[in-house]
Amino acid sequence: MFFYKMENTGTPDTGMIVGVRLRALAPWLFAEESHETFRESLVKVVSQLKAQFLKRNSEIINHV
C-alpha cells in the first residue's frame, strides 16, 4: 500500500507525507515521512524501507 497525504502543520518544512507498507519476507515493512515536498518524503521512505529490508534479510539468512 502506498499513499500521499497533505497535512496542515505549523512549519513549512513538513506536511507532505508519503507512506509505504510492504509485505515482504514475513511481517509488514512500513515507513512514513513528512517533509517540505513529496519527493523529499519519498526519498526518505525508500531509504528507510531499504534499511528495514536489508536488516530483515540478514536476520533470515543468519537463521538458515
PDB file of N, CA and C in Angstrom:
ATOM      1  N   MET A   1       0.850  -1.168   0.000  1.00  0.00           N
ATOM      2  CA  MET A   1       0.000   0.000   0.000  1.00  0.00           C
ATOM      3  C   MET A   1       0.897   1.232   0.000  1.00  0.00           C
ATOM      4  N   PHE A   2       0.499   2.222  -0.774  1.00  0.00           N
ATOM      5  CA  PHE A   2       1.307   3.416  -0.968  1.00  0.00           C
ATOM      6  C   PHE A   2       0.375   4.615  -0.876  1.00  0.00           C
ATOM      7  N   PHE A   3       0.749   5.640  -0.106  1.00  0.00           N
ATOM      8  CA  PHE A   3      -0.135   6.796  -0.032  1.00  0.00           C
ATOM      9  C   PHE A   3       0.623   8.111   0.074  1.00  0.00           C
ATOM     10  N   TYR A   4      -0.007   9.145  -0.463  1.00  0.00           N
ATOM     11  CA  TYR A   4       0.426  10.537  -0.326  1.00  0.00           C
ATOM     12  C   TYR A   4      -0.633  11.247   0.505  1.00  0.00           C
ATOM     13  N   LYS A   5      -0.206  12.153   1.363  1.00  0.00           N
ATOM     14  CA  LYS A   5      -1.165  12.885   2.187  1.00  0.00           C
ATOM     15  C   LYS A   5      -0.614  14.277   2.470  1.00  0.00           C
ATOM     16  N   MET A   6      -1.459  15.280   2.345  1.00  0.00           N
ATOM     17  CA  MET A   6      -1.066  16.638   2.701  1.00  0.00           C
ATOM     18  C   MET A   6      -1.672  16.954   4.064  1.00  0.00           C
ATOM     19  N   GLU A   7      -0.845  17.494   4.945  1.00  0.00           N
ATOM     20  CA  GLU A   7      -1.290  17.796   6.295  1.00  0.00           C
ATOM     21  C   GLU A   7      -0.912  19.232   6.625  1.00  0.00           C
ATOM     22  N   ASN A   8      -1.808  19.954   7.238  1.00  0.00           N
ATOM     23  CA  ASN A   8      -1.543  21.324   7.635  1.00  0.00           C
ATOM     24  C   ASN A   8      -0.747  21.303   8.937  1.00  0.00           C
ATOM     25  N   THR A   9       0.520  21.707   8.868  1.00  0.00           N
ATOM     26  CA  THR A   9       1.371  21.717  10.053  1.00  0.00           C
ATOM     27  C   THR A   9       1.790  23.148  10.362  1.00  0.00           C
ATOM     28  N   GLY A  10       2.350  23.341  11.520  1.00  0.00           N
ATOM     29  CA  GLY A  10       2.774  24.672  11.933  1.00  0.00           C
ATOM     30  C   GLY A  10       4.062  25.147  11.287  1.00  0.00           C
ATOM     31  N   THR A  11       4.742  24.269  10.594  1.00  0.00           N
ATOM     32  CA  THR A  11       6.014  24.617   9.970  1.00  0.00           C
ATOM     33  C   THR A  11       5.980  24.294   8.477  1.00  0.00           C
ATOM     34  N   PRO A  12       6.578  25.124   7.639  1.00  0.00           N
ATOM     35  CA  PRO A  12       6.575  24.840   6.197  1.00  0.00           C
ATOM     36  C   PRO A  12       7.531  23.710   5.797  1.00  0.00           C
ATOM     37  N   ASP A  13       8.330  23.218   6.743  1.00  0.00           N
ATOM     38  CA  ASP A  13       9.292  22.146   6.436  1.00  0.00           C
ATOM     39  C   ASP A  13       8.650  20.768   6.432  1.00  0.00           C
ATOM     40  N   THR A  14       7.391  20.664   6.836  1.00  0.00           N
ATOM     41  CA  THR A  14       6.719  19.370   6.874  1.00  0.00           C
ATOM     42  C   THR A  14       5.315  19.509   6.297  1.00  0.00           C
ATOM     43  N   GLY A  15       4.632  18.409   6.189  1.00  0.00           N
ATOM     44  CA  GLY A  15       3.249  18.430   5.734  1.00  0.00           C
ATOM     45  C   GLY A  15       2.972  17.592   4.513  1.00  0.00           C
ATOM     46  N   MET A  16       3.961  17.312   3.704  1.00  0.00           N
ATOM     47  CA  MET A  16       3.799  16.452   2.534  1.00  0.00           C
ATOM     48  C   MET A  16       4.229  15.051   2.957  1.00  0.00           C
ATOM     49  N   ILE A  17       3.254  14.215   3.227  1.00  0.00           N
ATOM     50  CA  ILE A  17       3.520  12.904   3.821  1.00  0.00           C
ATOM     51  C   ILE A  17       3.429  11.814   2.765  1.00  0.00           C
ATOM     52  N   VAL A  18       4.401  10.933   2.790  1.00  0.00           N
ATOM     53  CA  VAL A  18       4.408   9.748   1.937  1.00  0.00           C
ATOM     54  C   VAL A  18       4.531   8.551   2.869  1.00  0.00           C
ATOM     55  N   GLY A  19       3.703   7.539   2.649  1.00  0.00           N
ATOM     56  CA  GLY A  19       3.766   6.320   3.441  1.00  0.00           C
ATOM     57  C   GLY A  19       3.737   5.108   2.530  1.00  0.00           C
ATOM     58  N   VAL A  20       4.461   4.092   2.921  1.00  0.00           N
ATOM     59  CA  VAL A  20       4.507   2.853   2.151  1.00  0.00           C
ATOM     60  C   VAL A  20       4.451   1.689   3.124  1.00  0.00           C
ATOM     61  N   ARG A  21       3.616   0.714   2.801  1.00  0.00           N
ATOM     62  CA  ARG A  21       3.521  -0.506   3.594  1.00  0.00           C
ATOM     63  C   ARG A  21       3.707  -1.675   2.638  1.00  0.00           C
ATOM     64  N   LEU A  22       4.729  -2.486   2.898  1.00  0.00           N
ATOM     65  CA  LEU A  22       5.059  -3.617   2.020  1.00  0.00           C
ATOM     66  C   LEU A  22       4.982  -4.926   2.780  1.00  0.00           C
ATOM     67  N   ARG A  23       4.537  -5.936   2.111  1.00  0.00           N
ATOM     68  CA  ARG A  23       4.546  -7.280   2.680  1.00  0.00           C
ATOM     69  C   ARG A  23       5.706  -8.001   2.006  1.00  0.00           C
ATOM     70  N   ALA A  24       6.781  -8.254   2.771  1.00  0.00           N
ATOM     71  CA  ALA A  24       7.953  -8.906   2.197  1.00  0.00           C
ATOM     72  C   ALA A  24       8.638  -9.756   3.250  1.00  0.00           C
ATOM     73  N   LEU A  25       8.857 -10.965   2.957  1.00  0.00           N
ATOM     74  CA  LEU A  25       9.613 -11.905   3.780  1.00  0.00           C
ATOM     75  C   LEU A  25       8.958 -12.290   5.096  1.00  0.00           C
ATOM     76  N   ALA A  26       7.935 -11.679   5.524  1.00  0.00           N
ATOM     77  CA  ALA A  26       7.232 -12.007   6.767  1.00  0.00           C
ATOM     78  C   ALA A  26       6.360 -10.836   7.158  1.00  0.00           C
ATOM     79  N   PRO A  27       6.579 -10.257   8.338  1.00  0.00           N
ATOM     80  CA  PRO A  27       5.722  -9.125   8.737  1.00  0.00           C
ATOM     81  C   PRO A  27       5.877  -7.928   7.799  1.00  0.00           C
ATOM     82  N   TRP A  28       4.941  -7.011   7.918  1.00  0.00           N
ATOM     83  CA  TRP A  28       4.930  -5.818   7.078  1.00  0.00           C
ATOM     84  C   TRP A  28       6.133  -4.937   7.330  1.00  0.00           C
ATOM     85  N   LEU A  29       6.642  -4.329   6.268  1.00  0.00           N
ATOM     86  CA  LEU A  29       7.628  -3.254   6.370  1.00  0.00           C
ATOM     87  C   LEU A  29       6.850  -1.962   6.188  1.00  0.00           C
ATOM     88  N   PHE A  30       7.106  -0.980   7.031  1.00  0.00           N
ATOM     89  CA  PHE A  30       6.357   0.261   6.962  1.00  0.00           C
ATOM     90  C   PHE A  30       7.273   1.452   7.182  1.00  0.00           C
ATOM     91  N   ALA A  31       7.074   2.490   6.405  1.00  0.00           N
ATOM     92  CA  ALA A  31       7.818   3.740   6.587  1.00  0.00           C
ATOM     93  C   ALA A  31       6.911   4.896   6.197  1.00  0.00           C
ATOM     94  N   GLU A  32       7.053   5.992   6.930  1.00  0.00           N
ATOM     95  CA  GLU A  32       6.279   7.197   6.652  1.00  0.00           C
ATOM     96  C   GLU A  32       7.146   8.398   6.977  1.00  0.00           C
ATOM     97  N   GLU A  33       7.151   9.381   6.103  1.00  0.00           N
ATOM     98  CA  GLU A  33       7.958  10.595   6.291  1.00  0.00           C
ATOM     99  C   GLU A  33       7.148  11.818   5.918  1.00  0.00           C
ATOM    100  N   SER A  34       7.447  12.924   6.577  1.00  0.00           N
ATOM    101  CA  SER A  34       6.797  14.198   6.300  1.00  0.00           C
ATOM    102  C   SER A  34       7.874  15.260   6.096  1.00  0.00           C
ATOM    103  N   HIS A  35       7.905  15.819   4.885  1.00  0.00           N
ATOM    104  CA  HIS A  35       8.882  16.844   4.545  1.00  0.00           C
ATOM    105  C   HIS A  35       8.219  17.939   3.726  1.00  0.00           C
ATOM    106  N   GLU A  36       9.029  18.857   3.260  1.00  0.00           N
ATOM    107  CA  GLU A  36       8.526  20.011   2.514  1.00  0.00           C
ATOM    108  C   GLU A  36       7.917  19.621   1.170  1.00  0.00           C
ATOM    109  N   THR A  37       8.470  18.585   0.529  1.00  0.00           N
ATOM    110  CA  THR A  37       7.950  18.136  -0.767  1.00  0.00           C
ATOM    111  C   THR A  37       7.710  16.627  -0.721  1.00  0.00           C
ATOM    112  N   PHE A  38       6.810  16.165  -1.616  1.00  0.00           N
ATOM    113  CA  PHE A  38       6.565  14.727  -1.707  1.00  0.00           C
ATOM    114  C   PHE A  38       7.825  13.992  -2.144  1.00  0.00           C
ATOM    115  N   ARG A  39       8.595  14.598  -3.010  1.00  0.00           N
ATOM    116  CA  ARG A  39       9.830  13.970  -3.492  1.00  0.00           C
ATOM    117  C   ARG A  39      10.797  13.694  -2.338  1.00  0.00           C
ATOM    118  N   GLU A  40      10.986  14.697  -1.481  1.00  0.00           N
ATOM    119  CA  GLU A  40      11.860  14.536  -0.322  1.00  0.00           C
ATOM    120  C   GLU A  40      11.351  13.416   0.591  1.00  0.00           C
ATOM    121  N   SER A  41      10.053  13.408   0.825  1.00  0.00           N
ATOM    122  CA  SER A  41       9.451  12.384   1.673  1.00  0.00           C
ATOM    123  C   SER A  41       9.642  10.997   1.073  1.00  0.00           C
ATOM    124  N   LEU A  42       9.437  10.885  -0.236  1.00  0.00           N
ATOM    125  CA  LEU A  42       9.569   9.594  -0.907  1.00  0.00           C
ATOM    126  C   LEU A  42      10.996   9.072  -0.844  1.00  0.00           C
ATOM    127  N   VAL A  43      11.972   9.936  -1.030  1.00  0.00           N
ATOM    128  CA  VAL A  43      13.382   9.529  -0.960  1.00  0.00           C
ATOM    129  C   VAL A  43      13.689   8.967   0.426  1.00  0.00           C
ATOM    130  N   LYS A  44      13.215   9.620   1.466  1.00  0.00           N
ATOM    131  CA  LYS A  44      13.450   9.157   2.840  1.00  0.00           C
ATOM    132  C   LYS A  44      12.742   7.831   3.105  1.00  0.00           C
ATOM    133  N   VAL A  45      11.526   7.687   2.603  1.00  0.00           N
ATOM    134  CA  VAL A  45      10.770   6.445   2.801  1.00  0.00           C
ATOM    135  C   VAL A  45      11.482   5.278   2.128  1.00  0.00           C
ATOM    136  N   VAL A  46      11.928   5.476   0.913  1.00  0.00           N
ATOM    137  CA  VAL A  46      12.636   4.404   0.195  1.00  0.00           C
ATOM    138  C   VAL A  46      13.899   4.009   0.952  1.00  0.00           C
ATOM    139  N   SER A  47      14.612   4.981   1.476  1.00  0.00           N
ATOM    140  CA  SER A  47      15.817   4.708   2.245  1.00  0.00           C
ATOM    141  C   SER A  47      15.495   3.891   3.503  1.00  0.00           C
ATOM    142  N   GLN A  48      14.430   4.257   4.189  1.00  0.00           N
ATOM    143  CA  GLN A  48      14.034   3.511   5.389  1.00  0.00           C
ATOM    144  C   GLN A  48      13.618   2.078   5.057  1.00  0.00           C
ATOM    145  N   LEU A  49      12.846   1.920   3.998  1.00  0.00           N
ATOM    146  CA  LEU A  49      12.406   0.580   3.609  1.00  0.00           C
ATOM    147  C   LEU A  49      13.587  -0.293   3.192  1.00  0.00           C
ATOM    148  N   LYS A  50      14.540   0.277   2.512  1.00  0.00           N
ATOM    149  CA  LYS A  50      15.734  -0.477   2.112  1.00  0.00           C
ATOM    150  C   LYS A  50      16.476  -0.961   3.355  1.00  0.00           C
ATOM    151  N   ALA A  51      16.648  -0.083   4.338  1.00  0.00           N
ATOM    152  CA  ALA A  51      17.340  -0.469   5.576  1.00  0.00           C
ATOM    153  C   ALA A  51      16.574  -1.572   6.304  1.00  0.00           C
ATOM    154  N   GLN A  52      15.252  -1.444   6.375  1.00  0.00           N
ATOM    155  CA  GLN A  52      14.443  -2.465   7.036  1.00  0.00           C
ATOM    156  C   GLN A  52      14.553  -3.801   6.310  1.00  0.00           C
ATOM    157  N   PHE A  53      14.488  -3.759   4.987  1.00  0.00           N
ATOM    158  CA  PHE A  53      14.579  -4.976   4.194  1.00  0.00           C
ATOM    159  C   PHE A  53      15.925  -5.662   4.379  1.00  0.00           C
ATOM    160  N   LEU A  54      17.007  -4.891   4.325  1.00  0.00           N
ATOM    161  CA  LEU A  54      18.346  -5.468   4.486  1.00  0.00           C
ATOM    162  C   LEU A  54      18.515  -6.073   5.878  1.00  0.00           C
ATOM    163  N   LYS A  55      17.995  -5.411   6.890  1.00  0.00           N
ATOM    164  CA  LYS A  55      18.086  -5.950   8.249  1.00  0.00           C
ATOM    165  C   LYS A  55      17.299  -7.253   8.364  1.00  0.00           C
ATOM    166  N   ARG A  56      16.072  -7.253   7.853  1.00  0.00           N
ATOM    167  CA  ARG A  56      15.229  -8.446   7.924  1.00  0.00           C
ATOM    168  C   ARG A  56      15.838  -9.579   7.119  1.00  0.00           C
ATOM    169  N   ASN A  57      16.411  -9.267   5.963  1.00  0.00           N
ATOM    170  CA  ASN A  57      17.025 -10.271   5.108  1.00  0.00           C
ATOM    171  C   ASN A  57      18.243 -10.893   5.798  1.00  0.00           C
ATOM    172  N   SER A  58      19.066 -10.075   6.436  1.00  0.00           N
ATOM    173  CA  SER A  58      20.236 -10.622   7.117  1.00  0.00           C
ATOM    174  C   SER A  58      19.836 -11.480   8.312  1.00  0.00           C
ATOM    175  N   GLU A  59      18.753 -11.128   8.987  1.00  0.00           N
ATOM    176  CA  GLU A  59      18.269 -11.955  10.100  1.00  0.00           C
ATOM    177  C   GLU A  59      17.804 -13.316   9.612  1.00  0.00           C
ATOM    178  N   ILE A  60      17.129 -13.338   8.478  1.00  0.00           N
ATOM    179  CA  ILE A  60      16.658 -14.603   7.908  1.00  0.00           C
ATOM    180  C   ILE A  60      17.829 -15.460   7.453  1.00  0.00           C
ATOM    181  N   ILE A  61      18.807 -14.845   6.804  1.00  0.00           N
ATOM    182  CA  ILE A  61      19.980 -15.598   6.333  1.00  0.00           C
ATOM    183  C   ILE A  61      20.758 -16.177   7.511  1.00  0.00           C
ATOM    184  N   ASN A  62      20.889 -15.437   8.599  1.00  0.00           N
ATOM    185  CA  ASN A  62      21.614 -15.922   9.768  1.00  0.00           C
ATOM    186  C   ASN A  62      20.905 -17.073  10.464  1.00  0.00           C
ATOM    187  N   HIS A  63      19.602 -17.194  10.305  1.00  0.00           N
ATOM    188  CA  HIS A  63      18.847 -18.263  10.951  1.00  0.00           C
ATOM    189  C   HIS A  63      18.767 -19.521  10.107  1.00  0.00           C
ATOM    190  N   VAL A  64      19.184 -19.441   8.867  1.00  0.00           N
ATOM    191  CA  VAL A  64      19.079 -20.605   7.981  1.00  0.00           C
ATOM    192  C   VAL A  64      20.236 -21.529   8.163  1.00  0.00           C
TER     193      VAL A  64
END
